[in-house]
N, C-alpha and C. Protein backbone atom coordinates (compact mmCIF):
# COMPACT_ATOMS: atom_id res chain seq x y z
N MET A 1 -67.62 59.68 52.75
CA MET A 1 -68.40 60.46 53.79
C MET A 1 -67.49 61.24 54.60
N GLY A 2 -66.17 61.19 54.60
CA GLY A 2 -65.29 61.79 55.37
C GLY A 2 -65.38 61.30 56.84
N LEU A 3 -65.01 61.84 57.94
CA LEU A 3 -64.38 61.78 59.02
C LEU A 3 -65.59 62.02 60.06
N LEU A 4 -65.71 60.90 60.69
CA LEU A 4 -66.98 61.33 61.45
C LEU A 4 -66.59 61.38 63.34
N GLU A 5 -67.02 62.73 64.35
CA GLU A 5 -66.32 61.96 65.90
C GLU A 5 -67.19 62.72 66.39
N VAL A 6 -67.13 61.37 67.00
CA VAL A 6 -68.36 61.89 68.75
C VAL A 6 -67.68 62.29 69.68
N ARG A 7 -68.66 63.25 70.81
CA ARG A 7 -67.96 62.86 72.06
C ARG A 7 -69.15 62.45 72.99
N MET A 8 -67.96 61.58 73.64
CA MET A 8 -68.30 60.73 74.58
C MET A 8 -68.15 60.53 76.53
N GLU A 9 -68.73 59.94 77.05
CA GLU A 9 -67.73 59.95 78.48
C GLU A 9 -67.78 58.20 78.50
N ILE A 10 -66.56 58.61 79.23
CA ILE A 10 -66.08 57.25 79.09
C ILE A 10 -65.82 56.65 80.81
N ALA A 11 -66.46 55.32 81.55
CA ALA A 11 -66.17 55.67 83.14
C ALA A 11 -65.31 54.35 83.01
N ASN A 12 -64.81 53.91 84.36
CA ASN A 12 -64.45 52.68 84.97
C ASN A 12 -65.93 51.91 85.07
N PRO A 13 -66.22 50.59 84.71
CA PRO A 13 -67.13 50.17 85.51
C PRO A 13 -67.48 50.12 86.43
N GLN A 14 -66.20 49.62 86.93
CA GLN A 14 -66.03 49.40 88.98
C GLN A 14 -66.06 50.23 89.47
N ARG A 15 -66.19 51.58 89.07
CA ARG A 15 -66.19 52.93 89.75
C ARG A 15 -66.83 53.76 88.85
N MET A 16 -68.14 53.64 88.59
CA MET A 16 -69.25 54.86 87.28
C MET A 16 -68.74 56.04 87.93
N GLU A 17 -68.78 56.58 88.47
CA GLU A 17 -68.40 57.60 89.39
C GLU A 17 -66.71 58.60 88.28
N LEU A 18 -66.62 57.58 88.12
CA LEU A 18 -64.74 57.65 87.71
C LEU A 18 -64.91 57.90 86.31
N ARG A 19 -65.25 58.88 85.73
CA ARG A 19 -65.46 59.21 83.99
C ARG A 19 -64.65 60.07 83.55
N ALA A 20 -64.26 60.23 82.38
CA ALA A 20 -64.07 61.67 81.41
C ALA A 20 -65.02 61.75 80.40
N ALA A 21 -64.75 62.90 79.82
CA ALA A 21 -64.99 63.15 78.17
C ALA A 21 -63.73 62.51 77.32
N VAL A 22 -64.08 61.93 76.11
CA VAL A 22 -63.54 62.03 75.00
C VAL A 22 -64.16 62.36 74.09
N THR A 23 -63.91 62.66 72.97
CA THR A 23 -63.73 63.21 71.49
C THR A 23 -63.57 61.52 70.81
N LEU A 24 -63.90 61.29 69.88
CA LEU A 24 -63.98 59.65 69.58
C LEU A 24 -63.97 59.37 68.09
N LEU A 25 -63.45 59.51 66.85
CA LEU A 25 -62.93 58.97 65.53
C LEU A 25 -63.38 58.16 65.20
N VAL A 26 -65.25 58.04 64.61
CA VAL A 26 -65.84 56.54 64.62
C VAL A 26 -65.41 56.29 63.61
N ASP A 27 -64.26 54.87 63.44
CA ASP A 27 -63.61 54.00 62.40
C ASP A 27 -65.02 52.03 62.06
N THR A 28 -65.80 52.84 61.68
CA THR A 28 -66.38 51.22 61.42
C THR A 28 -65.19 50.38 60.00
N GLY A 29 -63.97 50.47 60.14
CA GLY A 29 -62.54 49.59 59.77
C GLY A 29 -62.40 48.70 61.06
N ALA A 30 -62.61 49.61 62.51
CA ALA A 30 -61.59 49.03 63.72
C ALA A 30 -63.33 48.10 64.52
N ASN A 31 -61.89 46.81 64.46
CA ASN A 31 -62.99 46.04 65.30
C ASN A 31 -63.26 47.03 66.83
N TYR A 32 -62.71 47.04 68.10
CA TYR A 32 -62.81 48.13 69.08
C TYR A 32 -62.38 49.11 69.93
N SER A 33 -62.46 49.45 70.43
CA SER A 33 -62.41 51.02 70.83
C SER A 33 -61.05 51.36 71.26
N MET A 34 -60.65 52.65 70.82
CA MET A 34 -58.79 52.82 71.73
C MET A 34 -58.91 54.08 72.49
N ILE A 35 -58.81 54.02 73.98
CA ILE A 35 -58.70 55.13 74.20
C ILE A 35 -57.17 55.60 74.74
N PRO A 36 -56.91 56.70 74.89
CA PRO A 36 -55.51 56.86 75.13
C PRO A 36 -54.97 56.56 76.72
N ARG A 37 -54.53 56.01 76.81
CA ARG A 37 -53.50 55.03 78.36
C ARG A 37 -53.64 56.15 79.20
N ARG A 38 -53.29 57.23 79.30
CA ARG A 38 -53.42 58.35 80.17
C ARG A 38 -54.82 58.52 80.53
N VAL A 39 -55.89 59.16 79.91
CA VAL A 39 -57.43 58.64 80.08
C VAL A 39 -57.79 57.52 80.98
N LEU A 40 -57.26 56.43 80.65
CA LEU A 40 -57.90 55.19 81.02
C LEU A 40 -57.12 54.77 82.71
N ASP A 41 -55.80 56.08 82.52
CA ASP A 41 -55.46 55.21 83.75
C ASP A 41 -55.56 56.13 85.01
N GLN A 42 -56.30 57.49 84.25
CA GLN A 42 -57.01 58.81 85.21
C GLN A 42 -57.95 58.30 86.07
N ILE A 43 -59.23 57.47 84.57
CA ILE A 43 -60.76 57.05 85.70
C ILE A 43 -60.33 55.43 86.39
N GLY A 44 -58.65 54.91 86.50
CA GLY A 44 -58.77 54.17 87.04
C GLY A 44 -58.70 52.49 86.77
N VAL A 45 -58.93 52.38 84.73
CA VAL A 45 -59.38 51.56 84.28
C VAL A 45 -58.36 50.57 84.23
N VAL A 46 -57.92 49.36 84.56
CA VAL A 46 -56.51 48.26 84.59
C VAL A 46 -57.03 47.52 83.41
N PRO A 47 -55.58 46.94 82.89
CA PRO A 47 -54.84 46.28 81.99
C PRO A 47 -55.49 45.33 82.05
N LEU A 48 -56.09 44.34 81.73
CA LEU A 48 -56.73 43.23 81.96
C LEU A 48 -55.41 42.10 81.89
N GLU A 49 -55.36 42.63 79.87
CA GLU A 49 -54.16 41.31 79.53
C GLU A 49 -53.60 41.95 78.29
N ARG A 50 -52.75 41.53 77.84
CA ARG A 50 -52.10 42.68 76.47
C ARG A 50 -51.97 41.74 75.04
N VAL A 51 -52.50 42.04 73.73
CA VAL A 51 -52.65 41.36 73.10
C VAL A 51 -52.29 42.26 71.98
N GLU A 52 -51.92 41.36 70.53
CA GLU A 52 -51.34 41.42 69.41
C GLU A 52 -52.54 42.04 68.50
N PHE A 53 -51.92 43.06 67.78
CA PHE A 53 -52.99 43.93 66.88
C PHE A 53 -52.56 43.37 65.35
N GLU A 54 -52.86 43.39 64.33
CA GLU A 54 -52.66 44.09 63.14
C GLU A 54 -53.67 44.57 62.67
N ILE A 55 -52.55 46.12 61.75
CA ILE A 55 -53.13 47.17 62.28
C ILE A 55 -52.90 47.68 59.79
N ALA A 56 -53.62 48.40 59.99
CA ALA A 56 -54.07 48.71 58.45
C ALA A 56 -52.77 48.62 57.65
N ASP A 57 -51.59 49.15 57.89
CA ASP A 57 -50.49 48.66 56.92
C ASP A 57 -49.89 47.04 56.95
N GLY A 58 -50.34 46.11 58.05
CA GLY A 58 -50.21 45.34 58.53
C GLY A 58 -49.15 44.81 58.86
N ARG A 59 -48.66 45.87 60.12
CA ARG A 59 -47.86 45.58 60.99
C ARG A 59 -48.37 45.55 62.11
N ARG A 60 -47.57 44.43 62.68
CA ARG A 60 -48.48 43.61 64.36
C ARG A 60 -48.03 44.53 65.53
N ILE A 61 -48.65 44.60 66.74
CA ILE A 61 -48.53 45.59 67.61
C ILE A 61 -49.31 45.36 68.66
N GLN A 62 -48.38 45.09 70.18
CA GLN A 62 -49.08 44.39 70.84
C GLN A 62 -50.31 45.84 72.01
N ARG A 63 -50.98 46.01 72.51
CA ARG A 63 -51.40 46.97 73.53
C ARG A 63 -52.04 46.02 74.39
N ASP A 64 -52.15 46.95 75.50
CA ASP A 64 -52.89 46.49 76.80
C ASP A 64 -54.44 46.03 76.67
N ILE A 65 -55.39 45.58 77.37
CA ILE A 65 -56.63 45.87 76.84
C ILE A 65 -57.69 45.54 78.36
N GLY A 66 -58.76 46.35 77.99
CA GLY A 66 -59.32 46.22 79.51
C GLY A 66 -60.91 46.79 79.46
N GLU A 67 -61.73 47.00 80.08
CA GLU A 67 -62.94 47.12 79.96
C GLU A 67 -63.20 48.24 80.41
N ALA A 68 -64.09 49.57 79.35
CA ALA A 68 -64.54 50.36 80.05
C ALA A 68 -65.90 50.80 79.46
N THR A 69 -66.75 51.47 80.57
CA THR A 69 -68.13 51.86 80.04
C THR A 69 -68.15 52.71 78.73
N PHE A 70 -68.81 53.01 78.39
CA PHE A 70 -69.23 54.20 76.91
C PHE A 70 -71.00 54.64 77.11
N PHE A 71 -70.33 56.13 77.17
CA PHE A 71 -72.24 56.97 76.90
C PHE A 71 -72.73 57.85 76.36
N TRP A 72 -73.82 56.94 75.66
CA TRP A 72 -73.66 57.85 74.71
C TRP A 72 -75.56 57.80 74.75
N ASN A 73 -76.32 59.48 75.19
CA ASN A 73 -77.30 59.87 75.38
C ASN A 73 -78.11 59.34 76.65
N SER A 74 -78.76 58.33 76.29
CA SER A 74 -79.31 57.95 77.77
C SER A 74 -78.39 56.75 78.07
N LYS A 75 -77.91 55.75 77.25
CA LYS A 75 -77.95 54.34 77.04
C LYS A 75 -76.27 54.77 77.32
N HIS A 76 -75.76 53.24 77.74
CA HIS A 76 -74.84 53.11 78.33
C HIS A 76 -74.73 51.53 78.81
N ARG A 77 -72.90 51.23 78.29
CA ARG A 77 -72.83 49.97 78.07
C ARG A 77 -71.11 50.03 77.90
N SER A 78 -71.01 48.49 78.49
CA SER A 78 -69.18 48.51 78.57
C SER A 78 -68.79 47.76 77.98
N SER A 79 -67.49 47.96 77.37
CA SER A 79 -67.03 47.45 76.21
C SER A 79 -65.15 47.27 76.20
N THR A 80 -64.38 46.29 75.29
CA THR A 80 -63.55 46.17 75.28
C THR A 80 -62.74 47.14 75.13
N VAL A 81 -62.00 47.87 76.13
CA VAL A 81 -60.91 49.07 75.20
C VAL A 81 -59.85 48.78 74.91
N ILE A 82 -58.91 48.83 73.90
CA ILE A 82 -57.09 49.00 74.12
C ILE A 82 -56.74 50.22 74.28
N PHE A 83 -56.01 49.89 75.31
CA PHE A 83 -54.60 50.87 75.82
C PHE A 83 -53.85 51.76 74.58
N GLY A 84 -54.47 53.07 73.89
CA GLY A 84 -53.78 54.05 72.94
C GLY A 84 -52.63 54.12 73.71
N ASP A 85 -51.64 54.30 73.13
CA ASP A 85 -49.83 55.00 72.80
C ASP A 85 -50.33 56.66 72.87
N ASN A 86 -49.22 57.47 73.39
CA ASN A 86 -49.78 58.61 72.90
C ASN A 86 -49.61 58.67 70.77
N SER A 87 -49.54 58.44 70.36
CA SER A 87 -49.62 58.18 69.01
C SER A 87 -50.41 58.03 68.50
N ASP A 88 -51.35 57.16 69.02
CA ASP A 88 -52.71 56.46 68.52
C ASP A 88 -54.32 57.45 69.06
N ALA A 89 -54.39 57.35 67.75
CA ALA A 89 -56.16 57.96 67.76
C ALA A 89 -56.91 57.80 68.88
N ALA A 90 -57.55 58.05 69.03
CA ALA A 90 -58.86 57.29 70.52
C ALA A 90 -60.36 57.61 69.04
N VAL A 91 -60.67 55.99 69.43
CA VAL A 91 -61.54 55.80 68.39
C VAL A 91 -62.56 54.65 68.82
N LEU A 92 -63.54 55.39 67.89
CA LEU A 92 -64.44 54.14 68.49
C LEU A 92 -65.11 53.22 67.18
N GLY A 93 -65.33 52.22 67.80
CA GLY A 93 -65.07 50.40 67.26
C GLY A 93 -66.62 50.16 66.92
N VAL A 94 -66.45 48.97 66.19
CA VAL A 94 -67.52 48.43 65.82
C VAL A 94 -68.59 48.06 66.79
N VAL A 95 -67.23 47.14 67.63
CA VAL A 95 -68.36 46.15 68.75
C VAL A 95 -68.94 47.60 69.89
N THR A 96 -67.95 48.28 70.08
CA THR A 96 -69.14 49.43 70.82
C THR A 96 -69.89 49.89 70.41
N LEU A 97 -69.65 50.50 68.71
CA LEU A 97 -71.43 50.67 68.32
C LEU A 97 -72.63 49.88 68.34
N GLU A 98 -72.07 48.54 68.56
CA GLU A 98 -73.03 47.42 68.38
C GLU A 98 -73.66 47.86 69.85
N GLU A 99 -72.48 47.51 70.47
CA GLU A 99 -73.19 47.37 71.92
C GLU A 99 -73.63 48.39 72.68
N LEU A 100 -73.88 49.50 72.01
CA LEU A 100 -74.44 50.20 72.46
C LEU A 100 -76.16 50.66 71.23
N GLY A 101 -75.63 49.79 70.30
CA GLY A 101 -76.93 49.92 69.48
C GLY A 101 -77.03 50.76 68.50
N LEU A 102 -75.25 50.96 67.98
CA LEU A 102 -75.75 52.96 67.28
C LEU A 102 -75.43 52.34 65.81
N GLU A 103 -75.81 52.75 65.07
CA GLU A 103 -74.92 53.18 63.79
C GLU A 103 -74.47 54.73 62.96
N VAL A 104 -74.02 54.09 61.99
CA VAL A 104 -73.03 56.15 61.72
C VAL A 104 -74.51 55.79 60.29
N ASP A 105 -74.72 56.99 60.71
CA ASP A 105 -75.29 57.87 58.99
C ASP A 105 -74.30 57.99 58.18
N PRO A 106 -74.33 57.90 56.98
CA PRO A 106 -73.44 58.67 55.81
C PRO A 106 -74.50 59.80 55.68
N VAL A 107 -74.95 59.81 55.11
CA VAL A 107 -75.62 60.98 55.03
C VAL A 107 -75.71 62.05 55.78
N ASN A 108 -76.31 61.46 56.28
CA ASN A 108 -76.47 63.21 57.56
C ASN A 108 -74.87 63.27 58.61
N LYS A 109 -74.08 62.77 58.87
CA LYS A 109 -72.04 61.95 59.05
C LYS A 109 -72.97 62.14 60.78
N GLU A 110 -73.94 61.48 61.23
CA GLU A 110 -73.88 61.80 62.85
C GLU A 110 -73.84 60.04 63.08
N LEU A 111 -74.42 59.77 64.70
CA LEU A 111 -74.89 58.31 65.25
C LEU A 111 -76.19 58.38 64.84
N ARG A 112 -77.09 56.77 65.15
CA ARG A 112 -78.48 57.22 64.66
C ARG A 112 -78.58 55.43 65.54
N PRO A 113 -79.78 55.57 66.05
CA PRO A 113 -79.91 54.43 66.68
C PRO A 113 -80.40 52.70 65.80
N ALA A 114 -79.62 52.09 66.11
CA ALA A 114 -79.08 51.24 64.71
C ALA A 114 -80.93 50.36 64.54
N LYS A 115 -80.32 49.42 63.53
CA LYS A 115 -81.99 49.22 63.05
C LYS A 115 -81.50 47.60 64.09
N LEU A 116 -82.66 47.10 64.72
CA LEU A 116 -82.66 45.71 65.13
C LEU A 116 -83.09 44.71 64.62
N ILE A 117 -82.67 44.18 64.18
CA ILE A 117 -83.08 42.90 63.73
C ILE A 117 -82.58 41.33 64.40
N LEU A 118 -83.97 40.81 64.31
CA LEU A 118 -83.46 39.49 64.85
C LEU A 118 -83.85 38.30 63.61
N TYR A 119 -83.16 37.55 63.91
CA TYR A 119 -83.93 36.56 62.26
C TYR A 119 -84.47 35.35 63.19
């Protein structure tokens, strides 16, 4: 499919007027979204805890996590966010995609509303 990047606004869920625009790499293999720490600090998002993650090459790393609100068109939802280091990519993960009710359209290389199924 190739790479898919999207531009979104994120906000501090405690003070929604504190926002920043970010370009995110959509990664359907990543559980959580990751935003550079400098951006999260700028909008006042605070770490809630430090968590260990296993990355694609099998290494384990520790990163802070918090909560941010993601905006896509007329939708917005709060989601867990990883505080990325300077060398980490800004990533939109599956949890945030699902919370926003979005899915990846691999043919048109874009996000679209997900088909919501209730069993």
